[in-house]
Amino acid sequence: MIGFIGNEVAARYRIRVGRKIGSAALVADGYHARTDAFTSLAVDGGGLRISDPAPGCSPPRSGPSGVSQGGHDTY
């Protein structure tokens, strides 16, 4: 849970600063940190037998929005 919180804080900071200074790369890095946060959350829940296949079976949530937003900011 601590890994999730730390990565989410880093993600929000990078996204906010990236938008403020107009850096698509920093915003994309923020979305990457957010994805890492959810990965950390899935790993923390890995002690439960039922949760083992859950991360692999769930659709990606931050990928398409991050890509479309990053493309919009770049061009």
Protein backbone atom coordinates (compact mmCIF):
# COMPACT_ATOMS: atom_id res chain seq x y z
CA MET A 1 0.00 0.00 0.00
CA ILE A 2 2.90 2.35 0.71
CA GLY A 3 4.27 1.75 -2.80
CA PHE A 4 0.90 2.66 -4.30
CA ILE A 5 0.64 5.88 -2.31
CA GLY A 6 4.21 6.94 -3.13
CA ASN A 7 3.82 6.29 -6.84
CA GLU A 8 0.44 8.03 -6.97
CA VAL A 9 1.85 11.12 -5.26
CA ALA A 10 4.73 11.15 -7.75
CA ALA A 11 2.31 10.69 -10.66
CA ARG A 12 0.10 13.59 -9.62
CA TYR A 13 3.10 15.86 -9.14
CA ARG A 14 4.63 15.00 -12.53
CA ILE A 15 1.32 15.40 -14.36
CA ARG A 16 0.59 18.74 -12.67
CA VAL A 17 4.06 20.19 -13.29
CA GLY A 18 4.19 18.77 -16.82
CA ARG A 19 0.93 20.50 -17.71
CA LYS A 20 2.06 23.72 -16.05
CA ILE A 21 5.30 23.94 -18.04
CA GLY A 22 3.88 22.37 -21.20
CA SER A 23 6.03 19.24 -21.14
CA ALA A 24 4.30 16.28 -22.81
CA ALA A 25 7.21 14.05 -21.75
CA LEU A 26 6.72 14.89 -18.07
CA VAL A 27 2.96 14.33 -18.33
CA ALA A 28 3.58 10.96 -19.98
CA ASP A 29 6.06 10.08 -17.22
CA GLY A 30 3.35 10.96 -14.71
CA TYR A 31 0.92 8.56 -16.39
CA HIS A 32 3.66 5.91 -16.31
CA ALA A 33 4.13 6.50 -12.57
CA ARG A 34 0.36 6.12 -12.12
CA THR A 35 0.48 2.77 -13.93
CA ASP A 36 3.32 1.73 -11.62
CA ALA A 37 1.15 2.73 -8.65
CA PHE A 38 -1.62 0.37 -9.74
CA THR A 39 0.95 -2.36 -10.38
CA SER A 40 2.23 -1.90 -6.82
CA LEU A 41 -1.33 -2.18 -5.54
CA ALA A 42 -1.83 -5.42 -7.48
CA VAL A 43 1.43 -6.83 -6.12
CA ASP A 44 0.41 -5.92 -2.56
CA GLY A 45 -2.80 -7.87 -3.04
CA GLY A 46 -0.88 -10.82 -4.46
CA GLY A 47 -1.06 -12.68 -1.16
CA LEU A 48 -4.63 -13.64 -1.97
CA ARG A 49 -4.86 -16.63 -4.28
CA ILE A 50 -7.85 -15.23 -6.20
CA SER A 51 -6.02 -11.98 -7.04
CA ASP A 52 -3.08 -13.62 -8.84
CA PRO A 53 -4.62 -13.59 -12.36
CA ALA A 54 -6.49 -10.30 -11.83
CA PRO A 55 -3.79 -7.87 -13.06
CA GLY A 56 -3.22 -9.86 -16.24
CA CYS A 57 -6.92 -10.19 -17.02
CA SER A 58 -7.92 -6.60 -16.39
CA PRO A 59 -7.87 -4.11 -19.28
CA PRO A 60 -5.31 -1.30 -19.09
CA ARG A 61 -6.88 1.84 -17.67
CA SER A 62 -4.29 4.55 -18.11
CA GLY A 63 -2.80 3.55 -21.48
CA PRO A 64 -5.26 4.94 -24.03
CA SER A 65 -5.98 8.16 -22.14
CA GLY A 66 -2.28 8.80 -21.60
CA VAL A 67 -1.47 8.18 -25.24
CA SER A 68 -4.28 10.31 -26.60
CA GLN A 69 -3.58 13.14 -24.17
CA GLY A 70 0.16 12.99 -24.86
CA GLY A 71 -0.44 13.12 -28.61
CA HIS A 72 -2.79 16.05 -28.17
CA ASP A 73 -0.25 17.99 -26.08
CA THR A 74 2.59 17.27 -28.50
CA TYR A 75 0.85 18.38 -31.68
